[in-house]
C-alpha atoms as a PDB file:
ATOM      1  CA  MET A   1       2.930  17.408  16.315  1.00  0.00           C
ATOM      2  CA  ALA A   2       2.273  17.309  12.822  1.00  0.00           C
ATOM      3  CA  GLY A   3       6.238  18.228  12.066  1.00  0.00           C
ATOM      4  CA  MET A   4       6.442  14.691  13.891  1.00  0.00           C
ATOM      5  CA  LEU A   5       4.038  12.788  11.201  1.00  0.00           C
ATOM      6  CA  THR A   6       5.922  13.599   8.558  1.00  0.00           C
ATOM      7  CA  MET A   7       9.441  12.657   9.581  1.00  0.00           C
ATOM      8  CA  PHE A   8       7.530   8.766  10.836  1.00  0.00           C
ATOM      9  CA  ARG A   9       6.027   8.668   7.244  1.00  0.00           C
ATOM     10  CA  GLN A  10       9.075   9.469   5.821  1.00  0.00           C
ATOM     11  CA  LEU A  11      11.144   7.110   8.184  1.00  0.00           C
ATOM     12  CA  ASP A  12       8.466   4.424   7.055  1.00  0.00           C
ATOM     13  CA  HIS A  13       9.107   4.899   3.362  1.00  0.00           C
ATOM     14  CA  MET A  14      12.816   4.918   3.626  1.00  0.00           C
ATOM     15  CA  HIS A  15      12.810   1.757   6.462  1.00  0.00           C
ATOM     16  CA  GLY A  16       9.852  -0.040   6.649  1.00  0.00           C
ATOM     17  CA  ALA A  17       8.400  -0.924  10.106  1.00  0.00           C
ATOM     18  CA  ARG A  18      10.473  -2.540  11.765  1.00  0.00           C
ATOM     19  CA  ALA A  19      12.863  -0.046  13.868  1.00  0.00           C
ATOM     20  CA  TYR A  20      10.437   2.811  13.790  1.00  0.00           C
ATOM     21  CA  ALA A  21       7.540   1.027  14.398  1.00  0.00           C
ATOM     22  CA  PRO A  22       7.688   0.958  18.228  1.00  0.00           C
ATOM     23  CA  GLN A  23       8.721   4.145  18.442  1.00  0.00           C
ATOM     24  CA  VAL A  24       4.818   5.509  16.337  1.00  0.00           C
ATOM     25  CA  GLY A  25       3.405   3.395  18.841  1.00  0.00           C
ATOM     26  CA  SER A  26       4.528   4.698  22.232  1.00  0.00           C
ATOM     27  CA  TYR A  27       4.450   8.833  20.669  1.00  0.00           C
ATOM     28  CA  ILE A  28       0.410   7.717  20.342  1.00  0.00           C
ATOM     29  CA  ASP A  29       0.395   5.895  23.834  1.00  0.00           C
ATOM     30  CA  GLY A  30       2.456   9.291  25.220  1.00  0.00           C
ATOM     31  CA  GLU A  31       2.293  12.663  24.545  1.00  0.00           C
ATOM     32  CA  LEU A  32      -0.387  12.459  21.386  1.00  0.00           C
ATOM     33  CA  SER A  33      -2.721  11.094  23.465  1.00  0.00           C
ATOM     34  CA  SER A  34      -1.537  13.404  26.483  1.00  0.00           C
ATOM     35  CA  LEU A  35      -2.190  16.355  23.990  1.00  0.00           C
ATOM     36  CA  LEU A  36      -5.300  15.266  23.485  1.00  0.00           C
ATOM     37  CA  ALA A  37      -6.684  15.532  26.893  1.00  0.00           C
ATOM     38  CA  ARG A  38      -5.988  18.830  27.192  1.00  0.00           C
ATOM     39  CA  PRO A  39      -8.348  21.097  26.427  1.00  0.00           C
ATOM     40  CA  ALA A  40      -8.973  23.083  22.864  1.00  0.00           C
ATOM     41  CA  ALA A  41      -9.005  26.699  22.504  1.00  0.00           C
ATOM     42  CA  ASP A  42     -11.200  26.232  19.787  1.00  0.00           C
ATOM     43  CA  GLU A  43     -13.600  24.120  16.730  1.00  0.00           C
ATOM     44  CA  ARG A  44     -10.078  24.438  14.867  1.00  0.00           C
ATOM     45  CA  VAL A  45      -8.076  23.361  16.400  1.00  0.00           C
ATOM     46  CA  THR A  46     -10.224  19.782  17.541  1.00  0.00           C
ATOM     47  CA  ARG A  47      -9.780  19.279  13.959  1.00  0.00           C
ATOM     48  CA  ASP A  48      -6.279  20.339  13.634  1.00  0.00           C
ATOM     49  CA  ARG A  49      -5.166  17.786  16.052  1.00  0.00           C
ATOM     50  CA  ALA A  50      -7.944  14.987  15.385  1.00  0.00           C
ATOM     51  CA  ARG A  51      -6.731  14.677  11.987  1.00  0.00           C
ATOM     52  CA  ILE A  52      -2.838  14.974  12.677  1.00  0.00           C
ATOM     53  CA  ALA A  53      -3.866  12.110  15.640  1.00  0.00           C
ATOM     54  CA  ALA A  54      -6.077  10.256  12.837  1.00  0.00           C
ATOM     55  CA  GLY A  55      -2.908  10.634  10.600  1.00  0.00           C
ATOM     56  CA  PHE A  56      -0.383   8.906  13.585  1.00  0.00           C
ATOM     57  CA  LEU A  57      -2.985   5.932  13.992  1.00  0.00           C
ATOM     58  CA  GLU A  58      -3.083   5.749  10.457  1.00  0.00           C
ATOM     59  CA  LEU A  59       0.388   5.035  10.089  1.00  0.00           C
ATOM     60  CA  ALA A  60       0.749   3.093  12.889  1.00  0.00           C
ATOM     61  CA  GLY A  61      -2.411   0.611  11.523  1.00  0.00           C
ATOM     62  CA  TYR A  62      -0.015   0.721   8.322  1.00  0.00           C
ATOM     63  CA  GLN A  63       3.071  -0.497  10.588  1.00  0.00           C
ATOM     64  CA  ALA A  64       1.251  -2.928  11.979  1.00  0.00           C
ATOM     65  CA  VAL A  65       0.564  -4.948   7.963  1.00  0.00           C
ATOM     66  CA  ASP A  66       3.931  -3.854   7.459  1.00  0.00           C
ATOM     67  CA  THR A  67       5.302  -6.076  10.036  1.00  0.00           C
ATOM     68  CA  GLY A  68       2.276  -8.680   9.778  1.00  0.00           C
ATOM     69  CA  ASN A  69      -0.489  -7.796  12.432  1.00  0.00           C
ATOM     70  CA  PRO A  70      -3.168  -7.257  10.746  1.00  0.00           C
ATOM     71  CA  GLY A  71      -5.491  -7.391  13.723  1.00  0.00           C
ATOM     72  CA  GLN A  72      -3.659  -4.326  15.210  1.00  0.00           C
ATOM     73  CA  ALA A  73      -3.619  -2.995  11.585  1.00  0.00           C
ATOM     74  CA  GLN A  74      -7.252  -2.939  12.253  1.00  0.00           C
ATOM     75  CA  ALA A  75      -7.926  -1.338  16.134  1.00  0.00           C
ATOM     76  CA  TYR A  76      -5.715   1.376  14.474  1.00  0.00           C
ATOM     77  CA  TYR A  77      -8.302   2.105  11.729  1.00  0.00           C
ATOM     78  CA  GLN A  78     -11.025   1.585  13.664  1.00  0.00           C
ATOM     79  CA  ARG A  79      -9.960   4.647  16.041  1.00  0.00           C
ATOM     80  CA  ALA A  80      -8.418   6.863  13.451  1.00  0.00           C
ATOM     81  CA  LEU A  81     -11.980   6.425  11.817  1.00  0.00           C
ATOM     82  CA  THR A  82     -13.670   7.278  15.425  1.00  0.00           C
ATOM     83  CA  LEU A  83     -11.891  10.725  15.253  1.00  0.00           C
ATOM     84  CA  THR A  84     -12.692  11.732  11.982  1.00  0.00           C
ATOM     85  CA  THR A  85     -16.457  11.018  12.481  1.00  0.00           C
ATOM     86  CA  ALA A  86     -16.825  12.898  15.817  1.00  0.00           C
ATOM     87  CA  THR A  87     -15.194  15.794  14.419  1.00  0.00           C
ATOM     88  CA  ASN A  88     -17.460  15.030  11.037  1.00  0.00           C
ATOM     89  CA  ASP A  89     -14.958  14.887   8.170  1.00  0.00           C
ATOM     90  CA  GLN A  90     -16.396  13.115   5.958  1.00  0.00           C
ATOM     91  CA  ALA A  91     -14.330  13.554   2.801  1.00  0.00           C
ATOM     92  CA  TYR A  92     -10.949  11.031   5.394  1.00  0.00           C
ATOM     93  CA  GLY A  93     -13.426   9.133   7.290  1.00  0.00           C
ATOM     94  CA  ALA A  94     -14.153   7.982   3.724  1.00  0.00           C
ATOM     95  CA  TYR A  95     -10.730   7.594   2.327  1.00  0.00           C
ATOM     96  CA  LEU A  96      -9.489   5.382   5.754  1.00  0.00           C
ATOM     97  CA  VAL A  97     -12.207   3.205   4.948  1.00  0.00           C
ATOM     98  CA  ALA A  98     -11.548   2.370   1.549  1.00  0.00           C
ATOM     99  CA  VAL A  99      -7.560   2.671   1.416  1.00  0.00           C
ATOM    100  CA  ASN A 100      -6.914   0.895   4.978  1.00  0.00           C
ATOM    101  CA  LEU A 101     -10.004  -1.041   6.338  1.00  0.00           C
ATOM    102  CA  ALA A 102      -9.830  -2.150   2.178  1.00  0.00           C
ATOM    103  CA  HIS A 103      -6.519  -2.468   1.414  1.00  0.00           C
ATOM    104  CA  LEU A 104      -6.675  -4.879   4.050  1.00  0.00           C
ATOM    105  CA  ALA A 105      -9.047  -6.766   3.942  1.00  0.00           C
ATOM    106  CA  LEU A 106      -7.600  -6.945   0.117  1.00  0.00           C
ATOM    107  CA  HIS A 107      -4.154  -8.256   1.994  1.00  0.00           C
ATOM    108  CA  CYS A 108      -6.478 -10.834   4.340  1.00  0.00           C
ATOM    109  CA  GLY A 109      -7.788 -12.214   0.867  1.00  0.00           C
ATOM    110  CA  GLN A 110     -11.220 -11.248   2.042  1.00  0.00           C
ATOM    111  CA  PRO A 111     -12.321  -9.393  -1.977  1.00  0.00           C
ATOM    112  CA  GLN A 112     -15.520  -9.610  -0.745  1.00  0.00           C
ATOM    113  CA  ALA A 113     -14.953  -7.186   2.988  1.00  0.00           C
ATOM    114  CA  ALA A 114     -12.654  -5.101   1.021  1.00  0.00           C
ATOM    115  CA  LEU A 115     -15.468  -4.522  -1.947  1.00  0.00           C
ATOM    116  CA  ARG A 116     -17.674  -3.936   1.191  1.00  0.00           C
ATOM    117  CA  TRP A 117     -15.666  -1.176   2.389  1.00  0.00           C
ATOM    118  CA  ALA A 118     -14.645   0.816  -0.436  1.00  0.00           C
ATOM    119  CA  SER A 119     -18.088   0.783  -2.248  1.00  0.00           C
ATOM    120  CA  SER A 120     -19.494   1.874   1.222  1.00  0.00           C
ATOM    121  CA  ALA A 121     -16.524   5.001   1.106  1.00  0.00           C
ATOM    122  CA  GLN A 122     -16.969   5.654  -2.468  1.00  0.00           C
ATOM    123  CA  ALA A 123     -20.859   6.019  -1.310  1.00  0.00           C
ATOM    124  CA  ALA A 124     -20.185   8.212   1.535  1.00  0.00           C
ATOM    125  CA  ALA A 125     -17.213   9.686  -0.016  1.00  0.00           C
ATOM    126  CA  GLY A 126     -20.177  11.047  -3.147  1.00  0.00           C
ATOM    127  CA  THR A 127     -18.798  14.010  -4.739  1.00  0.00           C
ATOM    128  CA  ALA A 128     -18.139  16.468  -2.752  1.00  0.00           C
ATOM    129  CA  ALA A 129     -14.659  14.814  -1.242  1.00  0.00           C
ATOM    130  CA  SER A 130     -11.574  16.130  -3.621  1.00  0.00           C
ATOM    131  CA  PRO A 131     -11.114  14.833  -7.228  1.00  0.00           C
ATOM    132  CA  ALA A 132      -7.861  12.664  -5.829  1.00  0.00           C
ATOM    133  CA  THR A 133      -9.726  11.647  -3.001  1.00  0.00           C
ATOM    134  CA  ARG A 134     -12.350  10.021  -4.940  1.00  0.00           C
ATOM    135  CA  SER A 135      -9.689   8.562  -6.845  1.00  0.00           C
ATOM    136  CA  ALA A 136      -7.946   6.863  -4.795  1.00  0.00           C
ATOM    137  CA  ILE A 137     -11.280   5.256  -2.882  1.00  0.00           C
ATOM    138  CA  THR A 138     -12.706   4.187  -6.624  1.00  0.00           C
ATOM    139  CA  ALA A 139      -9.224   2.858  -7.351  1.00  0.00           C
ATOM    140  CA  VAL A 140      -9.849  -0.002  -4.168  1.00  0.00           C
ATOM    141  CA  VAL A 141     -13.602  -0.040  -5.473  1.00  0.00           C
ATOM    142  CA  ALA A 142     -11.900  -1.227  -8.430  1.00  0.00           C
ATOM    143  CA  ARG A 143      -9.065  -3.597  -7.220  1.00  0.00           C
ATOM    144  CA  ALA A 144     -11.304  -5.419  -5.138  1.00  0.00           C
ATOM    145  CA  ASN A 145     -13.154  -6.314  -8.611  1.00  0.00           C
ATOM    146  CA  ALA A 146     -10.323  -7.308 -10.221  1.00  0.00           C
ATOM    147  CA  ARG A 147      -9.622  -9.594  -7.201  1.00  0.00           C
ATOM    148  CA  MET A 148     -13.310 -11.124  -8.048  1.00  0.00           C
ATOM    149  CA  GLY A 149     -12.294 -10.976 -11.927  1.00  0.00           C
ATOM    150  CA  ARG A 150     -14.510  -8.785 -12.671  1.00  0.00           C
ATOM    151  CA  GLU A 151     -12.485  -7.482 -16.029  1.00  0.00           C
ATOM    152  CA  SER A 152     -15.691  -5.053 -16.994  1.00  0.00           C
ATOM    153  CA  GLU A 153     -16.511  -3.468 -13.628  1.00  0.00           C
ATOM    154  CA  ALA A 154     -12.719  -3.329 -12.378  1.00  0.00           C
ATOM    155  CA  THR A 155     -11.769  -1.073 -15.810  1.00  0.00           C
ATOM    156  CA  ARG A 156     -14.410   0.718 -15.519  1.00  0.00           C
ATOM    157  CA  LEU A 157     -13.411   1.309 -12.590  1.00  0.00           C
ATOM    158  CA  ILE A 158      -9.578   2.666 -13.533  1.00  0.00           C
ATOM    159  CA  LEU A 159     -10.937   4.176 -16.169  1.00  0.00           C
ATOM    160  CA  GLN A 160     -12.888   6.027 -13.525  1.00  0.00           C
ATOM    161  CA  ALA A 161      -9.990   6.800 -11.368  1.00  0.00           C
ATOM    162  CA  GLU A 162      -7.905   7.775 -13.917  1.00  0.00           C
ATOM    163  CA  GLU A 163     -10.212  10.427 -15.359  1.00  0.00           C
ATOM    164  CA  LEU A 164     -10.958  11.658 -11.823  1.00  0.00           C
ATOM    165  CA  LEU A 165      -7.155  11.889 -10.805  1.00  0.00           C
ATOM    166  CA  SER A 166      -6.478  13.580 -14.757  1.00  0.00           C
ATOM    167  CA  GLY A 167      -8.962  16.728 -13.063  1.00  0.00           C
ATOM    168  CA  ALA A 168      -7.249  17.078  -9.697  1.00  0.00           C
ATOM    169  CA  ASN A 169      -5.261  20.156  -8.404  1.00  0.00           C
ATOM    170  CA  PRO A 170      -2.705  19.706  -5.703  1.00  0.00           C
ATOM    171  CA  GLN A 171      -2.704  22.055  -4.367  1.00  0.00           C
ATOM    172  CA  ASP A 172      -5.945  22.081  -3.929  1.00  0.00           C
ATOM    173  CA  GLU A 173      -6.053  18.830  -2.680  1.00  0.00           C
ATOM    174  CA  PRO A 174      -6.051  18.415   1.136  1.00  0.00           C
ATOM    175  CA  GLU A 175      -3.086  17.567   2.262  1.00  0.00           C
ATOM    176  CA  TRP A 176      -3.646  13.637   3.669  1.00  0.00           C
ATOM    177  CA  ILE A 177      -3.946  12.959  -0.288  1.00  0.00           C
ATOM    178  CA  ARG A 178      -1.808  14.582  -1.993  1.00  0.00           C
ATOM    179  CA  TYR A 179       0.300  11.491  -2.199  1.00  0.00           C
ATOM    180  CA  PHE A 180      -1.682   9.771  -4.406  1.00  0.00           C
ATOM    181  CA  THR A 181       0.096  11.534  -7.547  1.00  0.00           C
ATOM    182  CA  PRO A 182      -0.306   9.577 -10.704  1.00  0.00           C
ATOM    183  CA  ALA A 183       2.246   6.634  -9.981  1.00  0.00           C
ATOM    184  CA  TYR A 184       0.617   5.338  -7.265  1.00  0.00           C
ATOM    185  CA  LEU A 185      -2.280   4.683  -9.239  1.00  0.00           C
ATOM    186  CA  ALA A 186      -0.479   3.241 -12.099  1.00  0.00           C
ATOM    187  CA  ASP A 187       0.307   0.683  -9.047  1.00  0.00           C
ATOM    188  CA  GLU A 188      -3.486   0.355  -8.185  1.00  0.00           C
ATOM    189  CA  ALA A 189      -4.133  -0.733 -11.542  1.00  0.00           C
ATOM    190  CA  ALA A 190      -0.919  -2.131 -12.133  1.00  0.00           C
ATOM    191  CA  HIS A 191      -2.593  -5.166  -9.531  1.00  0.00           C
ATOM    192  CA  CYS A 192      -5.917  -5.221 -11.365  1.00  0.00           C
ATOM    193  CA  TRP A 193      -4.400  -6.567 -14.339  1.00  0.00           C
ATOM    194  CA  HIS A 194      -2.188  -8.492 -12.475  1.00  0.00           C
ATOM    195  CA  ASP A 195      -5.134  -9.865 -10.409  1.00  0.00           C
ATOM    196  CA  LEU A 196      -7.018 -10.192 -14.507  1.00  0.00           C
ATOM    197  CA  GLY A 197      -4.296 -11.962 -15.861  1.00  0.00           C
ATOM    198  CA  HIS A 198      -3.278  -9.030 -18.824  1.00  0.00           C
ATOM    199  CA  SER A 199       0.481  -9.785 -17.841  1.00  0.00           C
ATOM    200  CA  PRO A 200       1.677  -6.589 -20.624  1.00  0.00           C
ATOM    201  CA  ALA A 201      -0.545  -4.271 -19.261  1.00  0.00           C
ATOM    202  CA  ALA A 202       0.140  -4.542 -16.182  1.00  0.00           C
ATOM    203  CA  ARG A 203       4.035  -4.417 -17.140  1.00  0.00           C
ATOM    204  CA  THR A 204       2.542  -0.618 -18.750  1.00  0.00           C
ATOM    205  CA  GLN A 205       1.830   0.441 -15.728  1.00  0.00           C
ATOM    206  CA  LEU A 206       4.514  -0.696 -13.654  1.00  0.00           C
ATOM    207  CA  ALA A 207       6.425   1.280 -16.031  1.00  0.00           C
ATOM    208  CA  ASP A 208       4.660   4.480 -14.966  1.00  0.00           C
ATOM    209  CA  ALA A 209       4.774   3.484 -11.237  1.00  0.00           C
ATOM    210  CA  LEU A 210       8.260   2.741 -10.689  1.00  0.00           C
ATOM    211  CA  ASP A 211       9.723   5.757 -12.654  1.00  0.00           C
ATOM    212  CA  GLY A 212       6.842   8.186 -11.123  1.00  0.00           C
ATOM    213  CA  VAL A 213       7.628   7.414  -7.602  1.00  0.00           C
ATOM    214  CA  GLY A 214      10.351   8.541  -5.571  1.00  0.00           C
ATOM    215  CA  ARG A 215      13.309   7.213  -5.171  1.00  0.00           C
ATOM    216  CA  ASP A 216      13.134   7.763  -1.849  1.00  0.00           C
ATOM    217  CA  LYS A 217       9.979   5.092  -1.788  1.00  0.00           C
ATOM    218  CA  VAL A 218      11.547   2.452  -0.752  1.00  0.00           C
ATOM    219  CA  ARG A 219       8.804  -0.340  -0.066  1.00  0.00           C
ATOM    220  CA  ARG A 220       7.101   0.678  -2.372  1.00  0.00           C
ATOM    221  CA  LEU A 221       9.899  -0.034  -5.315  1.00  0.00           C
ATOM    222  CA  ALA A 222      10.222  -3.025  -3.728  1.00  0.00           C
ATOM    223  CA  ILE A 223       7.048  -4.123  -4.248  1.00  0.00           C
ATOM    224  CA  ASP A 224       5.702  -3.258  -7.538  1.00  0.00           C
ATOM    225  CA  ALA A 225       9.622  -4.676  -9.081  1.00  0.00           C
ATOM    226  CA  ALA A 226       8.683  -8.298  -7.168  1.00  0.00           C
ATOM    227  CA  LEU A 227       5.718  -7.258  -8.906  1.00  0.00           C
ATOM    228  CA  LEU A 228       6.886  -6.301 -12.193  1.00  0.00           C
ATOM    229  CA  ALA A 229       9.022 -10.100 -12.129  1.00  0.00           C
ATOM    230  CA  SER A 230       6.022 -11.826 -11.564  1.00  0.00           C
ATOM    231  CA  THR A 231       4.532 -10.252 -14.739  1.00  0.00           C
ATOM    232  CA  TRP A 232       7.359 -11.873 -16.621  1.00  0.00           C
ATOM    233  CA  LEU A 233       7.559 -15.099 -15.214  1.00  0.00           C
ATOM    234  CA  ARG A 234       3.990 -15.772 -16.320  1.00  0.00           C
ATOM    235  CA  SER A 235       4.882 -14.068 -19.492  1.00  0.00           C
ATOM    236  CA  GLY A 236       7.635 -16.638 -19.924  1.00  0.00           C
ATOM    237  CA  ASP A 237      10.357 -14.975 -19.614  1.00  0.00           C
ATOM    238  CA  LEU A 238      12.707 -16.015 -16.943  1.00  0.00           C
ATOM    239  CA  ASP A 239      15.524 -13.457 -18.407  1.00  0.00           C
ATOM    240  CA  GLN A 240      13.447 -10.775 -17.635  1.00  0.00           C
ATOM    241  CA  ALA A 241      11.542 -12.431 -14.046  1.00  0.00           C
ATOM    242  CA  SER A 242      14.947 -13.123 -12.850  1.00  0.00           C
ATOM    243  CA  ALA A 243      16.284  -9.228 -13.301  1.00  0.00           C
ATOM    244  CA  ALA A 244      13.398  -8.355 -12.071  1.00  0.00           C
ATOM    245  CA  GLY A 245      13.532 -10.488  -9.298  1.00  0.00           C
ATOM    246  CA  ARG A 246      17.409  -8.466  -8.748  1.00  0.00           C
ATOM    247  CA  GLU A 247      15.927  -5.078  -8.556  1.00  0.00           C
ATOM    248  CA  ALA A 248      13.127  -6.430  -5.705  1.00  0.00           C
ATOM    249  CA  VAL A 249      15.285  -8.015  -3.647  1.00  0.00           C
ATOM    250  CA  THR A 250      17.948  -5.070  -3.922  1.00  0.00           C
ATOM    251  CA  TYR A 251      15.202  -2.459  -3.081  1.00  0.00           C
ATOM    252  CA  ALA A 252      13.584  -5.049   0.530  1.00  0.00           C
ATOM    253  CA  ALA A 253      17.420  -4.620   2.102  1.00  0.00           C
ATOM    254  CA  ARG A 254      17.264  -1.678   2.154  1.00  0.00           C
ATOM    255  CA  THR A 255      14.006  -2.440   4.251  1.00  0.00           C
ATOM    256  CA  GLY A 256      12.909  -3.492   7.373  1.00  0.00           C
ATOM    257  CA  SER A 257       9.200  -4.226   5.953  1.00  0.00           C
ATOM    258  CA  GLY A 258       7.547  -7.592   5.697  1.00  0.00           C
ATOM    259  CA  ARG A 259       5.642  -6.897   3.413  1.00  0.00           C
ATOM    260  CA  CYS A 260       8.869  -6.445   1.142  1.00  0.00           C
ATOM    261  CA  ILE A 261      10.114  -9.665   3.198  1.00  0.00           C
ATOM    262  CA  GLU A 262       6.585 -11.855   1.219  1.00  0.00           C
ATOM    263  CA  ARG A 263       6.485 -10.571  -2.157  1.00  0.00           C
ATOM    264  CA  VAL A 264      10.233 -10.907  -3.268  1.00  0.00           C
ATOM    265  CA  ALA A 265      10.080 -14.252  -1.237  1.00  0.00           C
ATOM    266  CA  GLY A 266       6.454 -15.467  -3.788  1.00  0.00           C
ATOM    267  CA  VAL A 267       8.444 -14.493  -6.808  1.00  0.00           C
ATOM    268  CA  LEU A 268      10.744 -16.511  -5.608  1.00  0.00           C
ATOM    269  CA  ALA A 269       8.924 -19.270  -4.554  1.00  0.00           C
ATOM    270  CA  GLU A 270       7.279 -19.065  -7.785  1.00  0.00           C
ATOM    271  CA  LEU A 271      10.951 -19.512  -9.284  1.00  0.00           C
ATOM    272  CA  ASN A 272      11.455 -22.356  -7.583  1.00  0.00           C
ATOM    273  CA  ALA A 273      10.312 -24.783 -10.597  1.00  0.00           C
ATOM    274  CA  HIS A 274      12.868 -23.429 -11.975  1.00  0.00           C
ATOM    275  CA  ARG A 275      15.927 -23.543  -9.144  1.00  0.00           C
ATOM    276  CA  ASP A 276      18.248 -25.001 -12.299  1.00  0.00           C
ATOM    277  CA  TYR A 277      18.044 -22.150 -14.556  1.00  0.00           C
ATOM    278  CA  ALA A 278      21.422 -19.866 -14.697  1.00  0.00           C
ATOM    279  CA  PRO A 279      19.666 -16.650 -14.217  1.00  0.00           C
ATOM    280  CA  VAL A 280      17.331 -17.287 -12.155  1.00  0.00           C
ATOM    281  CA  ARG A 281      19.830 -19.403  -9.896  1.00  0.00           C
ATOM    282  CA  ASP A 282      22.084 -16.280  -9.646  1.00  0.00           C
ATOM    283  CA  LEU A 283      18.671 -14.607  -8.301  1.00  0.00           C
ATOM    284  CA  ARG A 284      18.238 -16.969  -5.327  1.00  0.00           C
ATOM    285  CA  GLU A 285      21.742 -16.984  -4.762  1.00  0.00           C
ATOM    286  CA  TYR A 286      21.971 -12.957  -4.410  1.00  0.00           C
ATOM    287  CA  ALA A 287      18.524 -13.366  -2.390  1.00  0.00           C
ATOM    288  CA  GLU A 288      20.464 -15.169   0.462  1.00  0.00           C
ATOM    289  CA  ALA A 289      23.384 -13.381   0.351  1.00  0.00           C
ATOM    290  CA  VAL A 290      21.430 -10.107   1.383  1.00  0.00           C
ATOM    291  CA  LEU A 291      18.242 -11.220   1.826  1.00  0.00           C
ATOM    292  CA  PRO A 292      18.660 -14.019   4.115  1.00  0.00           C
ATOM    293  CA  GLU A 293      14.739 -13.936   5.452  1.00  0.00           C
ATOM    294  CA  ALA A 294      13.185 -13.536   1.882  1.00  0.00           C
ATOM    295  CA  GLY A 295      15.743 -17.301   0.968  1.00  0.00           C
ATOM    296  CA  GLN A 296      14.147 -18.558   4.588  1.00  0.00           C
ATOM    297  CA  LEU A 297      10.064 -17.976   3.668  1.00  0.00           C
ATOM    298  CA  ALA A 298      10.484 -18.778  -0.213  1.00  0.00           C
ATOM    299  CA  LEU A 299      11.159 -22.257   0.952  1.00  0.00           C
ATOM    300  CA  THR A 300       8.707 -22.729   3.203  1.00  0.00           C
ATOM    301  CA  MET A 301       5.910 -21.451   0.474  1.00  0.00           C
ATOM    302  CA  ALA A 302       7.829 -23.941  -2.183  1.00  0.00           C
ATOM    303  CA  ARG A 303       6.986 -26.905   0.220  1.00  0.00           C
ATOM    304  CA  GLY A 304       3.518 -25.767   1.773  1.00  0.00           C
ATOM    305  CA  SER A 305       2.549 -25.475  -2.735  1.00  0.00           C
END
């Protein structure tokens, strides 16, 4: 079961949710449900099963976000949280509340709800959770504050998250949080600075995020490249914005990720006012050729702005 979860996660990182979300859902409803219904040999087996099952539900929730179904995502996340509550896995439960439910609220444009979720997770985790777990949770609290324009608090929290992560030993961390490297924290920090209007600071963090994440994490690369393009546009550099936008399109075209398409479309819509500028025109033509869904969505966004 753990091997299947690892495989599905890797496929999701590389290809996005569209191709594999139905298979993950079928596995949860079939083999996973059947396994959980069987008697466990002891308490350790019960906890191990629950943790892996929560991992599958977390993945399914993330895939629901990726395919544009936030209500379904929340339902999956809540089911995962129920499992951690039943087994008294407080650290993983706090992680699920912050990194999944609070992030989902941010995705849906609800920073106040995100702050409530993430702050409650931070309080629940306390000092007992591992450094990387606490860092990831703290970063989401920072994201919510940044979205609400609370710069001093967001800055304090990002520094706190960096300090926590610097003290983490990956070998001592729970397996489910070992992915949270400095590159992932840099991504969170970049979104904070972008939301606060500090494009140069966001680009500094994005350089670390893009360099540090694995080349197989195509969706993450696409999203960060799109954010990089937006920071250059805010700084008035259309050439750099177009170059980063092209990278985002290239990465996004390799996935079946709705989030990637949405992020690329947002960049194209932002650039629409400069559509006659040669690099921007070239980017639009490239996107229409290799990622037509993004180009169509960008037109809709531009009309609505």
